Each structure stands twice: as C-alpha cells, then as structure tokens.
Protein backbone atom coordinates (compact mmCIF):
# COMPACT_ATOMS: atom_id res chain seq x y z
CA UNK A 1 26.73 -27.37 13.22
CA UNK A 2 26.94 -26.97 9.33
CA UNK A 3 28.70 -26.54 6.42
CA UNK A 4 27.39 -22.42 6.16
CA UNK A 5 28.23 -21.12 9.74
CA UNK A 6 25.60 -19.30 11.69
CA UNK A 7 23.17 -16.96 11.31
CA UNK A 8 23.12 -13.99 14.38
CA UNK A 9 20.20 -11.62 13.80
CA UNK A 10 18.94 -8.36 16.27
CA UNK A 11 14.93 -7.81 16.97
CA UNK A 12 12.93 -7.61 14.10
CA UNK A 13 9.15 -7.96 13.28
CA UNK A 14 6.82 -9.09 10.26
CA UNK A 15 4.55 -6.48 10.04
CA UNK A 16 2.34 -8.47 7.91
CA UNK A 17 -0.68 -10.94 9.53
CA UNK A 18 -1.33 -14.26 8.15
CA UNK A 19 2.04 -14.51 6.18
CA UNK A 20 1.09 -17.79 4.79
CA UNK A 21 -3.35 -17.57 4.48
CA UNK A 22 -4.25 -15.44 1.73
CA UNK A 23 -7.89 -16.11 2.51
CA UNK A 24 -7.91 -14.04 5.61
CA UNK A 25 -9.80 -10.28 5.57
CA UNK A 26 -6.24 -8.46 5.38
CA UNK A 27 -5.38 -10.42 1.64
CA UNK A 28 -7.23 -9.31 -1.75
CA UNK A 29 -6.42 -10.91 -5.03
CA UNK A 30 -6.96 -8.34 -7.92
CA UNK A 31 -7.71 -10.24 -11.49
CA UNK A 32 -6.29 -13.29 -9.83
CA UNK A 33 -8.02 -16.45 -8.75
CA UNK A 34 -7.10 -18.19 -5.34
CA UNK A 35 -6.82 -21.84 -5.00
CA UNK A 36 -5.85 -24.22 -2.68
CA UNK A 37 -2.59 -26.32 -2.31
CA UNK A 38 -2.77 -29.46 -0.90
CA UNK A 39 0.72 -30.54 -1.39
CA UNK A 40 3.65 -29.94 1.52
CA UNK A 41 4.93 -26.25 0.99
CA UNK A 42 8.43 -24.97 1.55
CA UNK A 43 8.11 -25.36 5.14
CA UNK A 44 6.32 -28.22 4.70
CA UNK A 45 2.89 -27.47 5.72
CA UNK A 46 -0.01 -28.96 3.46
CA UNK A 47 -3.64 -27.72 2.82
CA UNK A 48 -2.79 -24.15 2.77
CA UNK A 49 -4.54 -21.05 0.72
CA UNK A 50 -1.23 -19.87 -1.57
CA UNK A 51 -1.93 -21.29 -4.86
CA UNK A 52 -2.51 -18.07 -7.61
CA UNK A 53 -4.11 -18.29 -11.08
CA UNK A 54 -3.83 -15.69 -13.72
CA UNK A 55 -7.74 -15.38 -15.40
CA UNK A 56 -8.16 -12.57 -18.37
CA UNK A 57 -6.31 -9.94 -16.68
CA UNK A 58 -2.52 -9.91 -17.62
CA UNK A 59 -1.49 -7.92 -14.03
CA UNK A 60 -2.59 -9.58 -10.74
CA UNK A 61 -2.06 -7.60 -7.71
CA UNK A 62 -2.10 -9.12 -4.00
CA UNK A 63 -2.43 -6.53 -1.23
CA UNK A 64 -2.27 -6.96 2.20
CA UNK A 65 -3.44 -4.35 4.52
CA UNK A 66 -0.62 -3.00 7.37
CA UNK A 67 -0.07 0.07 9.43
CA UNK A 68 3.69 1.87 7.96
CA UNK A 69 5.02 5.11 8.34
CA UNK A 70 5.45 7.80 5.38
CA UNK A 71 9.04 8.27 4.09
CA UNK A 72 10.55 4.96 6.53
CA UNK A 73 12.37 2.39 4.66
CA UNK A 74 11.03 -0.96 4.65
CA UNK A 75 11.77 -4.62 3.19
CA UNK A 76 9.18 -6.70 1.52
CA UNK A 77 10.24 -10.46 0.86
CA UNK A 78 8.13 -13.01 -0.16
CA UNK A 79 8.51 -16.50 -1.62
CA UNK A 80 7.35 -17.44 -5.20
CA UNK A 81 7.28 -20.85 -7.00
CA UNK A 82 6.09 -21.06 -10.41
CA UNK A 83 3.47 -24.54 -11.22
CA UNK A 84 2.58 -23.16 -14.54
CA UNK A 85 2.53 -20.71 -17.53
CA UNK A 86 5.17 -17.55 -17.61
CA UNK A 87 5.37 -14.77 -15.27
CA UNK A 88 7.21 -11.59 -16.90
CA UNK A 89 8.19 -9.19 -14.02
CA UNK A 90 7.06 -8.98 -10.04
CA UNK A 91 7.13 -5.29 -8.86
CA UNK A 92 6.64 -4.70 -4.89
CA UNK A 93 5.43 -1.16 -3.58
CA UNK A 94 4.51 -0.67 0.49
CA UNK A 95 2.07 2.25 1.93
CA UNK A 96 1.46 3.39 -1.84
CA UNK A 97 4.38 4.49 -2.26
CA UNK A 98 6.87 4.04 -5.47
CA UNK A 99 7.34 0.44 -6.57
CA UNK A 100 10.26 -1.76 -7.05
CA UNK A 101 10.49 -3.74 -10.13
CA UNK A 102 11.90 -6.81 -8.93
CA UNK A 103 12.64 -8.62 -12.45
CA UNK A 104 12.25 -11.22 -14.37
CA UNK A 105 10.43 -14.56 -12.68
CA UNK A 106 11.21 -18.29 -13.56
CA UNK A 107 10.70 -19.64 -10.29
CA UNK A 108 10.62 -22.99 -10.64
CA UNK A 109 12.10 -23.87 -7.17
CA UNK A 110 10.86 -21.82 -4.15
CA UNK A 111 12.78 -18.37 -4.65
CA UNK A 112 12.82 -15.89 -2.26
CA UNK A 113 12.11 -12.08 -4.06
CA UNK A 114 12.84 -8.97 -1.63
CA UNK A 115 13.21 -5.25 -2.18
CA UNK A 116 14.02 -2.29 0.34
CA UNK A 117 11.22 0.48 -0.78
CA UNK A 118 10.51 3.76 0.87
CA UNK A 119 6.93 4.18 2.32
CA UNK A 120 3.97 6.57 1.13
CA UNK A 121 1.05 7.67 2.86
CA UNK A 122 -0.87 4.31 2.86
CA UNK A 123 -2.07 1.15 4.66
CA UNK A 124 -1.43 -1.37 2.74
CA UNK A 125 1.91 -3.65 1.12
CA UNK A 126 1.75 -4.40 -2.72
CA UNK A 127 3.32 -7.49 -4.86
CA UNK A 128 1.63 -6.84 -8.69
CA UNK A 129 2.93 -10.17 -10.77
CA UNK A 130 2.96 -9.82 -15.14
CA UNK A 131 1.93 -12.30 -17.07
CA UNK A 132 1.88 -11.44 -20.88
CA UNK A 133 0.41 -14.65 -21.77
CA UNK A 134 -1.85 -15.06 -18.86
CA UNK A 135 -1.34 -18.40 -17.89
CA UNK A 136 0.91 -18.53 -15.00
CA UNK A 137 -0.35 -20.41 -11.80
CA UNK A 138 2.38 -19.49 -9.17
CA UNK A 139 2.78 -20.37 -5.07
CA UNK A 140 2.62 -17.11 -2.90
CA UNK A 141 4.17 -17.57 0.46
CA UNK A 142 6.12 -16.16 3.17
CA UNK A 143 5.15 -12.37 2.69
CA UNK A 144 6.69 -10.07 5.15
CA UNK A 145 7.59 -6.46 5.64
CA UNK A 146 9.80 -5.39 8.43
CA UNK A 147 11.93 -2.01 8.91
CA UNK A 148 15.22 -1.66 7.36
CA UNK A 149 17.21 -4.28 6.13
CA UNK A 150 16.11 -7.92 5.01
CA UNK A 151 16.55 -10.75 7.89
CA UNK A 152 15.58 -14.09 8.20
CA UNK A 153 11.66 -15.02 7.61
CA UNK A 154 9.38 -14.49 10.76
CA UNK A 155 5.64 -16.33 10.25
CA UNK A 156 2.76 -14.58 11.04
CA UNK A 157 -0.97 -15.76 12.20
CA UNK A 158 -3.56 -13.57 13.39
CA UNK A 159 -1.05 -10.59 15.01
CA UNK A 160 2.25 -9.27 13.91
CA UNK A 161 5.27 -11.77 15.53
CA UNK A 162 8.68 -10.04 16.65
CA UNK A 163 11.86 -12.79 16.51
CA UNK A 164 14.03 -11.40 19.36
CA UNK A 165 17.65 -10.79 18.99
CA UNK A 166 20.14 -13.57 18.88
CA UNK A 167 22.52 -14.07 21.95
CA UNK A 168 25.90 -15.52 21.11
CA UNK A 169 27.86 -16.48 24.32
CA UNK A 170 31.64 -17.81 23.53
CA UNK A 171 33.35 -19.33 26.14
CA UNK A 172 36.97 -17.85 26.66
CA UNK A 173 39.73 -18.04 28.66
CA UNK A 174 41.19 -15.87 30.62
CA UNK A 175 44.55 -15.01 29.56
CA UNK A 176 47.57 -13.59 32.20
CA UNK A 177 48.38 -9.84 31.73
CA UNK A 178 51.39 -10.47 30.16
CA UNK A 179 50.20 -12.91 27.72
CA UNK A 180 50.10 -12.09 24.24
CA UNK A 181 46.60 -12.13 22.89
CA UNK A 182 44.94 -11.51 19.51
CA UNK A 183 41.30 -10.53 18.67
CA UNK A 184 39.60 -10.51 14.93
CA UNK A 185 36.20 -9.74 13.46
CA UNK A 186 35.05 -10.33 10.01
CA UNK A 187 32.14 -8.49 7.58
CA UNK A 188 31.35 -10.73 4.88
C-alpha cells in the first residue's frame, strides 16, 4: 500500500536489448564518448557504462539495433540526468521514421522522457541530443521501445524482455438477489 494507489498494466515487451549497458554491440554512439559511471544510478546499481560526454560536435546520436515493423506506432522512452554543461534538445525515432522533438533538457535529477513515433523501414532506434555549447555530460539509461503506449520500465539484458500482465483479484461478498448494489469505475 502507498499514497499513490496501484499500477495495473497489460503485457508489454521492451524491444531493445542491453537497455542499461551502452558498451554492447547493439549500441553505437556517434560524436560522443562513453564513460564509466561508478556511483549508484537511478535503480541503485553501480559501475555502469551510461555516462555520455560531448567532445567536438553539437549533436550526439545514441543508436540501438532492433526489429521494428514499418508503419506501426511505438513508444520510445529513456531516463536522462545532466551531470554538467547544457543540453538544448533531444529527439527520438524508430526504424528511421519521422523523429519527434522532445523539447528542452535540463534534468538535474533523473527524468524519464518518452515519445510515440511511427516506425520507418529501418532497424534502429535513435536518440539524438543537441548541446550548442558542446559541454554536456549526461547519464542515459533505461532505454525502452515498446508497441503502442508507454508502460513502466522493463529491464533487458541480452534478449528482449516481456513483462506479463498484472492480475487483480478483489475479494467480495455475494449479495442476495433482492439486495441493492452498485458498481462504479473511474478513468483518470
């Protein structure tokens, strides 16, 4: 129990492998340097390769291979924390489809960004960061691409990971045929 209620979700799959290790072969980082990060991250894990630094270009693209179907809607999401410098903008695309600009980035705490995009015919998920001053150093982890709408984060290692749907069972007492009753649902 908590003060925020409960989260019930349907079955979802994170289609990106190695969602927290950018040194693996499915990842490339164009125009940036990947550094180790030894402190605990958002999930409490240490010694990860999630720290990205601008060097000479104003745009860094972080890219993962994946299997996407052209024309389908996907949601791409990730967590970012700015370590130093400034980030002006971030955009994301799947399969080489039209990119979506997610806006300004000034996350001094871990912030989850997401965008719903239509996949092109390619086989990559791209996240591009712009730093006009070329000074940004940021943490990037928890990268997820899933069909349809955003769900809670699903970690992956060397294979995609599917989270089963949540089951909700609520005990109740059957009333007699003549007893009055009501049932209401709310959608937020």
